[in-house]
C-alpha cells in the first residue's frame, strides 16, 4: 500500500499543541500498528524545580495514541479522546522522552488505544489507555 500521509508530512503539519510538547513522529510500523514518537520536555514543562508536570505527560501520551490512528488509517480524521486513564510510574525529568503507542481495537468510529512514555534510559514513566472517537473528514474540510 502506498502511504498518502508521510511521517515528514505529519511532523511538518504538526498542530501547535504537539509543537509545544516538542513532539515528532519517529517511526511507524504498519504491520504491527505501532508508533514511536519523541518529545522534548524543558523547564517550561516543569513544576517543583525539575519535575515535568503530569498534564504535559498526559498530553504526550494522548498525542501518541492519536497519531497511531492517523498512521493506521492513512486518512484525514479527527481523533477525539472520549476517555483517558494515565498511570504515573516514575518522575519525569526534562529531556528527550519517547512515546510508544498501539491500537488495542479499532472500529469504524471508536478506537481503544494504549501508550507508554519512557525516558532515554528506557524507564517507563507513565502508561495510558484511552477510548477515542474517529471522525472522518474530507480533504480541505
N, C-alpha and C. Protein backbone atom coordinates (compact mmCIF):
# COMPACT_ATOMS: atom_id res chain seq x y z
N UNK A 1 0.84 -1.18 0.00
CA UNK A 1 0.00 0.00 0.00
C UNK A 1 0.89 1.24 0.00
N UNK A 2 0.60 2.19 -0.84
CA UNK A 2 1.33 3.45 -0.87
C UNK A 2 0.69 4.40 0.13
N UNK A 3 1.52 4.92 1.01
CA UNK A 3 1.02 5.84 2.04
C UNK A 3 0.79 7.21 1.42
N UNK A 4 -0.32 7.83 1.77
CA UNK A 4 -0.58 9.19 1.30
C UNK A 4 -0.16 10.22 2.34
N UNK A 5 -0.05 9.79 3.60
CA UNK A 5 0.38 10.67 4.67
C UNK A 5 1.73 10.18 5.17
N UNK A 6 2.78 10.96 4.95
CA UNK A 6 4.11 10.52 5.36
C UNK A 6 4.43 11.05 6.76
N UNK A 7 5.42 10.44 7.37
CA UNK A 7 5.88 10.90 8.67
C UNK A 7 6.38 12.33 8.56
N UNK A 8 7.10 12.64 7.48
CA UNK A 8 7.58 14.01 7.29
C UNK A 8 6.42 15.00 7.20
N UNK A 9 5.34 14.62 6.48
CA UNK A 9 4.17 15.49 6.38
C UNK A 9 3.52 15.70 7.74
N UNK A 10 3.38 14.62 8.52
CA UNK A 10 2.77 14.76 9.85
C UNK A 10 3.61 15.68 10.73
N UNK A 11 4.91 15.55 10.69
CA UNK A 11 5.76 16.40 11.50
C UNK A 11 5.73 17.85 11.03
N UNK A 12 5.70 18.05 9.71
CA UNK A 12 5.67 19.40 9.17
C UNK A 12 4.37 20.11 9.53
N UNK A 13 3.25 19.37 9.48
CA UNK A 13 1.93 19.95 9.75
C UNK A 13 1.46 19.70 11.18
N UNK A 14 2.39 19.48 12.08
CA UNK A 14 2.02 19.20 13.47
C UNK A 14 1.23 20.36 14.06
N UNK A 15 0.20 20.06 14.84
CA UNK A 15 -0.58 21.13 15.46
C UNK A 15 0.23 21.86 16.53
N UNK A 16 -0.16 23.08 16.89
CA UNK A 16 0.58 23.85 17.89
C UNK A 16 0.79 23.12 19.21
N UNK A 17 -0.20 22.36 19.66
CA UNK A 17 -0.06 21.65 20.94
C UNK A 17 1.08 20.64 20.88
N UNK A 18 1.22 19.95 19.76
CA UNK A 18 2.30 18.97 19.62
C UNK A 18 3.65 19.68 19.58
N UNK A 19 3.70 20.82 18.92
CA UNK A 19 4.94 21.60 18.87
C UNK A 19 5.31 22.09 20.27
N UNK A 20 4.32 22.49 21.07
CA UNK A 20 4.57 22.92 22.44
C UNK A 20 5.22 21.82 23.27
N UNK A 21 4.85 20.57 22.97
CA UNK A 21 5.40 19.42 23.68
C UNK A 21 6.71 18.94 23.07
N UNK A 22 7.17 19.60 22.02
CA UNK A 22 8.41 19.18 21.35
C UNK A 22 8.26 17.83 20.69
N UNK A 23 7.04 17.51 20.22
CA UNK A 23 6.73 16.19 19.69
C UNK A 23 6.95 16.01 18.21
N UNK A 24 7.44 14.84 17.86
CA UNK A 24 7.60 14.44 16.45
C UNK A 24 7.40 12.93 16.34
N UNK A 25 6.84 12.52 15.20
CA UNK A 25 6.72 11.10 14.90
C UNK A 25 8.10 10.62 14.49
N UNK A 26 8.56 9.56 15.12
CA UNK A 26 9.87 8.98 14.83
C UNK A 26 9.74 7.83 13.83
N UNK A 27 8.82 6.90 14.11
CA UNK A 27 8.66 5.74 13.23
C UNK A 27 7.26 5.16 13.40
N UNK A 28 6.87 4.39 12.41
CA UNK A 28 5.57 3.71 12.43
C UNK A 28 5.73 2.37 11.74
N UNK A 29 5.13 1.35 12.34
CA UNK A 29 5.17 0.02 11.75
C UNK A 29 3.75 -0.36 11.34
N UNK A 30 3.49 -0.36 10.04
CA UNK A 30 2.15 -0.66 9.52
C UNK A 30 1.72 -2.09 9.87
N UNK A 31 2.67 -3.03 9.85
CA UNK A 31 2.33 -4.43 10.12
C UNK A 31 1.84 -4.64 11.55
N UNK A 32 2.50 -3.99 12.52
CA UNK A 32 2.11 -4.17 13.92
C UNK A 32 1.17 -3.09 14.43
N UNK A 33 1.00 -2.03 13.64
CA UNK A 33 0.13 -0.93 14.07
C UNK A 33 0.67 -0.22 15.30
N UNK A 34 1.99 -0.01 15.32
CA UNK A 34 2.62 0.67 16.45
C UNK A 34 3.35 1.92 15.97
N UNK A 35 3.48 2.86 16.88
CA UNK A 35 4.14 4.12 16.56
C UNK A 35 5.16 4.43 17.64
N UNK A 36 6.20 5.16 17.25
CA UNK A 36 7.14 5.69 18.22
C UNK A 36 7.30 7.18 17.93
N UNK A 37 7.12 7.98 18.97
CA UNK A 37 7.27 9.42 18.85
C UNK A 37 8.30 9.86 19.88
N UNK A 38 8.85 11.05 19.68
CA UNK A 38 9.67 11.60 20.74
C UNK A 38 9.19 12.99 21.08
N UNK A 39 9.45 13.37 22.30
CA UNK A 39 9.06 14.66 22.84
C UNK A 39 10.28 15.24 23.54
N UNK A 40 10.36 16.56 23.60
CA UNK A 40 11.43 17.21 24.32
C UNK A 40 10.81 18.06 25.42
N UNK A 41 10.96 17.62 26.65
CA UNK A 41 10.47 18.37 27.80
C UNK A 41 11.57 19.31 28.27
N UNK A 42 11.22 20.56 28.52
CA UNK A 42 12.20 21.51 29.04
C UNK A 42 11.66 22.14 30.32
N UNK A 43 12.37 23.13 30.84
CA UNK A 43 11.98 23.74 32.12
C UNK A 43 10.59 24.38 32.08
N UNK A 44 10.11 24.75 30.91
CA UNK A 44 8.77 25.34 30.83
C UNK A 44 7.67 24.29 31.06
N UNK A 45 8.00 23.01 31.03
CA UNK A 45 7.05 21.93 31.29
C UNK A 45 7.10 21.46 32.75
N UNK A 46 7.94 22.11 33.57
CA UNK A 46 8.21 21.61 34.92
C UNK A 46 7.51 22.39 36.02
N UNK A 47 7.36 21.71 37.14
CA UNK A 47 6.98 22.32 38.41
C UNK A 47 7.96 21.79 39.45
N UNK A 48 7.99 22.33 40.62
CA UNK A 48 8.85 21.85 41.71
C UNK A 48 10.30 21.66 41.25
N UNK A 49 10.78 22.60 40.49
CA UNK A 49 12.17 22.51 40.03
C UNK A 49 12.29 21.79 38.71
N UNK A 50 12.66 20.51 38.75
CA UNK A 50 12.94 19.79 37.51
C UNK A 50 12.05 18.56 37.32
N UNK A 51 10.80 18.65 37.74
CA UNK A 51 9.85 17.55 37.56
C UNK A 51 8.83 17.97 36.50
N UNK A 52 8.72 17.19 35.43
CA UNK A 52 7.77 17.50 34.36
C UNK A 52 6.36 17.29 34.90
N UNK A 53 5.51 18.30 34.73
CA UNK A 53 4.14 18.29 35.23
C UNK A 53 3.34 17.18 34.53
N UNK A 54 2.53 16.46 35.30
CA UNK A 54 1.80 15.30 34.79
C UNK A 54 0.86 15.59 33.65
N UNK A 55 0.29 16.78 33.60
CA UNK A 55 -0.61 17.12 32.50
C UNK A 55 0.11 17.13 31.15
N UNK A 56 1.36 17.56 31.15
CA UNK A 56 2.13 17.52 29.91
C UNK A 56 2.41 16.08 29.49
N UNK A 57 2.71 15.23 30.48
CA UNK A 57 2.94 13.82 30.16
C UNK A 57 1.67 13.19 29.59
N UNK A 58 0.51 13.53 30.17
CA UNK A 58 -0.77 13.03 29.64
C UNK A 58 -0.98 13.50 28.21
N UNK A 59 -0.61 14.75 27.93
CA UNK A 59 -0.72 15.27 26.56
C UNK A 59 0.17 14.52 25.59
N UNK A 60 1.37 14.16 26.04
CA UNK A 60 2.29 13.40 25.19
C UNK A 60 1.73 12.01 24.90
N UNK A 61 1.18 11.37 25.91
CA UNK A 61 0.57 10.05 25.72
C UNK A 61 -0.65 10.14 24.80
N UNK A 62 -1.47 11.15 24.99
CA UNK A 62 -2.66 11.35 24.17
C UNK A 62 -2.28 11.57 22.71
N UNK A 63 -1.26 12.37 22.48
CA UNK A 63 -0.78 12.63 21.11
C UNK A 63 -0.25 11.35 20.47
N UNK A 64 0.46 10.56 21.24
CA UNK A 64 1.00 9.30 20.71
C UNK A 64 -0.13 8.38 20.28
N UNK A 65 -1.16 8.27 21.12
CA UNK A 65 -2.29 7.39 20.78
C UNK A 65 -3.06 7.91 19.57
N UNK A 66 -3.25 9.21 19.47
CA UNK A 66 -3.96 9.78 18.31
C UNK A 66 -3.16 9.54 17.02
N UNK A 67 -1.85 9.73 17.09
CA UNK A 67 -1.04 9.59 15.87
C UNK A 67 -0.98 8.16 15.36
N UNK A 68 -1.09 7.18 16.23
CA UNK A 68 -1.11 5.80 15.73
C UNK A 68 -2.36 5.57 14.89
N UNK A 69 -3.47 6.20 15.25
CA UNK A 69 -4.70 6.09 14.45
C UNK A 69 -4.50 6.76 13.09
N UNK A 70 -3.90 7.95 13.07
CA UNK A 70 -3.63 8.64 11.80
C UNK A 70 -2.84 7.73 10.87
N UNK A 71 -1.82 7.08 11.42
CA UNK A 71 -0.94 6.24 10.59
C UNK A 71 -1.64 4.98 10.11
N UNK A 72 -2.40 4.34 10.97
CA UNK A 72 -3.09 3.10 10.57
C UNK A 72 -4.14 3.38 9.51
N UNK A 73 -4.93 4.43 9.71
CA UNK A 73 -6.00 4.74 8.76
C UNK A 73 -5.47 5.38 7.49
N UNK A 74 -4.32 6.08 7.58
CA UNK A 74 -3.76 6.76 6.42
C UNK A 74 -4.84 7.60 5.74
N UNK A 75 -5.58 8.36 6.57
CA UNK A 75 -6.69 9.16 6.07
C UNK A 75 -6.79 10.43 6.91
N UNK A 76 -7.59 11.36 6.44
CA UNK A 76 -7.81 12.60 7.17
C UNK A 76 -8.93 12.35 8.17
N UNK A 77 -8.54 12.31 9.44
CA UNK A 77 -9.51 12.07 10.51
C UNK A 77 -9.20 12.99 11.69
N UNK A 78 -10.21 13.16 12.52
CA UNK A 78 -10.03 13.78 13.82
C UNK A 78 -10.14 12.64 14.82
N UNK A 79 -9.21 12.58 15.76
CA UNK A 79 -9.26 11.57 16.81
C UNK A 79 -9.61 12.32 18.10
N UNK A 80 -10.86 12.21 18.49
CA UNK A 80 -11.37 12.92 19.66
C UNK A 80 -11.36 11.99 20.87
N UNK A 81 -10.55 12.31 21.86
CA UNK A 81 -10.45 11.48 23.06
C UNK A 81 -11.74 11.59 23.87
N UNK A 82 -12.38 10.45 24.10
CA UNK A 82 -13.59 10.41 24.91
C UNK A 82 -13.26 10.14 26.37
N UNK A 83 -12.21 9.36 26.59
CA UNK A 83 -11.79 9.00 27.94
C UNK A 83 -10.30 8.68 27.90
N UNK A 84 -9.59 9.05 28.96
CA UNK A 84 -8.17 8.70 29.06
C UNK A 84 -7.87 8.39 30.53
N UNK A 85 -7.07 7.35 30.71
CA UNK A 85 -6.59 6.99 32.04
C UNK A 85 -5.08 6.96 31.98
N UNK A 86 -4.44 7.68 32.89
CA UNK A 86 -3.00 7.75 32.92
C UNK A 86 -2.50 7.24 34.27
N UNK A 87 -1.51 6.36 34.24
CA UNK A 87 -0.83 5.90 35.45
C UNK A 87 0.59 6.42 35.40
N UNK A 88 0.95 7.19 36.43
CA UNK A 88 2.31 7.74 36.53
C UNK A 88 3.16 6.77 37.34
N UNK A 89 4.24 6.30 36.76
CA UNK A 89 5.05 5.25 37.37
C UNK A 89 6.39 5.73 37.90
N UNK A 90 6.90 6.83 37.37
CA UNK A 90 8.19 7.38 37.80
C UNK A 90 8.22 8.87 37.47
N UNK A 91 9.09 9.58 38.15
CA UNK A 91 9.23 11.03 37.92
C UNK A 91 9.87 11.26 36.55
N UNK A 92 9.29 12.18 35.80
CA UNK A 92 9.85 12.56 34.50
C UNK A 92 10.67 13.84 34.68
N UNK A 93 11.85 13.84 34.12
CA UNK A 93 12.76 14.99 34.17
C UNK A 93 12.86 15.59 32.77
N UNK A 94 13.29 16.85 32.65
CA UNK A 94 13.47 17.45 31.34
C UNK A 94 14.43 16.63 30.47
N UNK A 95 14.17 16.65 29.19
CA UNK A 95 15.00 15.92 28.23
C UNK A 95 14.12 15.23 27.20
N UNK A 96 14.74 14.34 26.45
CA UNK A 96 14.01 13.61 25.42
C UNK A 96 13.20 12.48 26.06
N UNK A 97 11.93 12.40 25.70
CA UNK A 97 11.03 11.35 26.16
C UNK A 97 10.51 10.62 24.93
N UNK A 98 10.30 9.33 25.07
CA UNK A 98 9.85 8.51 23.95
C UNK A 98 8.45 7.98 24.23
N UNK A 99 7.54 8.21 23.29
CA UNK A 99 6.18 7.68 23.38
C UNK A 99 6.02 6.51 22.43
N UNK A 100 5.48 5.42 22.94
CA UNK A 100 5.18 4.25 22.11
C UNK A 100 3.69 3.98 22.23
N UNK A 101 3.00 3.88 21.10
CA UNK A 101 1.56 3.67 21.12
C UNK A 101 1.12 2.56 20.20
N UNK A 102 -0.05 2.01 20.52
CA UNK A 102 -0.61 0.93 19.72
C UNK A 102 -2.13 0.93 19.85
N UNK A 103 -2.76 0.25 18.91
CA UNK A 103 -4.22 0.12 18.90
C UNK A 103 -4.59 -1.22 19.50
N UNK A 104 -5.46 -1.19 20.49
CA UNK A 104 -5.97 -2.44 21.08
C UNK A 104 -7.11 -2.98 20.25
N UNK A 105 -7.98 -2.08 19.82
CA UNK A 105 -9.12 -2.46 18.98
C UNK A 105 -9.63 -1.21 18.26
N UNK A 106 -9.96 -1.38 16.98
CA UNK A 106 -10.46 -0.24 16.23
C UNK A 106 -11.71 -0.63 15.45
N UNK A 107 -12.75 0.17 15.68
CA UNK A 107 -13.97 0.02 14.91
C UNK A 107 -14.06 1.14 13.89
N UNK A 108 -15.22 1.31 13.30
CA UNK A 108 -15.39 2.37 12.30
C UNK A 108 -15.37 3.76 12.91
N UNK A 109 -15.90 3.89 14.13
CA UNK A 109 -15.97 5.22 14.75
C UNK A 109 -15.36 5.29 16.15
N UNK A 110 -15.03 4.17 16.74
CA UNK A 110 -14.46 4.15 18.09
C UNK A 110 -13.19 3.30 18.09
N UNK A 111 -12.16 3.80 18.78
CA UNK A 111 -10.93 3.02 18.91
C UNK A 111 -10.52 2.96 20.38
N UNK A 112 -9.86 1.87 20.73
CA UNK A 112 -9.32 1.67 22.07
C UNK A 112 -7.81 1.63 21.92
N UNK A 113 -7.12 2.52 22.62
CA UNK A 113 -5.71 2.77 22.39
C UNK A 113 -4.90 2.66 23.68
N UNK A 114 -3.61 2.39 23.55
CA UNK A 114 -2.71 2.38 24.68
C UNK A 114 -1.37 3.00 24.28
N UNK A 115 -0.66 3.50 25.29
CA UNK A 115 0.66 4.08 25.04
C UNK A 115 1.47 4.06 26.33
N UNK A 116 2.78 4.18 26.16
CA UNK A 116 3.67 4.34 27.31
C UNK A 116 4.69 5.41 26.96
N UNK A 117 5.21 6.05 28.00
CA UNK A 117 6.19 7.11 27.85
C UNK A 117 7.44 6.71 28.63
N UNK A 118 8.58 6.77 27.94
CA UNK A 118 9.84 6.34 28.55
C UNK A 118 10.86 7.46 28.51
N UNK A 119 11.82 7.41 29.43
CA UNK A 119 12.94 8.35 29.35
C UNK A 119 14.03 7.74 28.47
N UNK A 120 15.13 8.46 28.31
CA UNK A 120 16.20 8.00 27.41
C UNK A 120 16.89 6.73 27.91
N UNK A 121 16.77 6.44 29.18
CA UNK A 121 17.37 5.23 29.73
C UNK A 121 16.44 4.02 29.60
N UNK A 122 15.22 4.24 29.10
CA UNK A 122 14.27 3.15 28.92
C UNK A 122 13.34 2.91 30.09
N UNK A 123 13.39 3.77 31.10
CA UNK A 123 12.49 3.66 32.25
C UNK A 123 11.09 4.08 31.83
N UNK A 124 10.09 3.24 32.10
CA UNK A 124 8.70 3.60 31.79
C UNK A 124 8.24 4.61 32.84
N UNK A 125 7.89 5.80 32.38
CA UNK A 125 7.48 6.88 33.26
C UNK A 125 5.97 6.90 33.48
N UNK A 126 5.22 6.57 32.44
CA UNK A 126 3.76 6.62 32.52
C UNK A 126 3.16 5.72 31.45
N UNK A 127 1.97 5.23 31.75
CA UNK A 127 1.20 4.43 30.79
C UNK A 127 -0.20 5.01 30.70
N UNK A 128 -0.82 4.85 29.54
CA UNK A 128 -2.18 5.37 29.37
C UNK A 128 -3.00 4.43 28.50
N UNK A 129 -4.30 4.51 28.71
CA UNK A 129 -5.26 3.86 27.81
C UNK A 129 -6.34 4.88 27.53
N UNK A 130 -6.91 4.80 26.35
CA UNK A 130 -7.97 5.75 26.01
C UNK A 130 -8.99 5.13 25.07
N UNK A 131 -10.13 5.76 25.09
CA UNK A 131 -11.19 5.48 24.13
C UNK A 131 -11.33 6.75 23.30
N UNK A 132 -11.33 6.60 22.00
CA UNK A 132 -11.38 7.78 21.13
C UNK A 132 -12.41 7.59 20.03
N UNK A 133 -13.02 8.69 19.67
CA UNK A 133 -13.96 8.71 18.55
C UNK A 133 -13.19 9.12 17.30
N UNK A 134 -13.43 8.39 16.21
CA UNK A 134 -12.80 8.69 14.93
C UNK A 134 -13.81 9.41 14.06
N UNK A 135 -13.45 10.64 13.67
CA UNK A 135 -14.34 11.46 12.84
C UNK A 135 -13.66 11.64 11.48
N UNK A 136 -14.24 11.06 10.46
CA UNK A 136 -13.67 11.15 9.12
C UNK A 136 -13.99 12.52 8.53
N UNK A 137 -12.97 13.10 7.86
CA UNK A 137 -13.12 14.42 7.24
C UNK A 137 -12.70 14.33 5.78
N UNK A 138 -13.28 15.17 4.99
CA UNK A 138 -12.85 15.23 3.60
C UNK A 138 -11.70 16.22 3.48
N UNK A 139 -10.83 16.05 2.49
CA UNK A 139 -9.71 16.98 2.32
C UNK A 139 -10.22 18.42 2.20
N UNK A 140 -9.53 19.32 2.87
CA UNK A 140 -9.90 20.74 2.82
C UNK A 140 -10.99 21.12 3.79
N UNK A 141 -11.55 20.13 4.52
CA UNK A 141 -12.64 20.44 5.46
C UNK A 141 -12.10 20.96 6.76
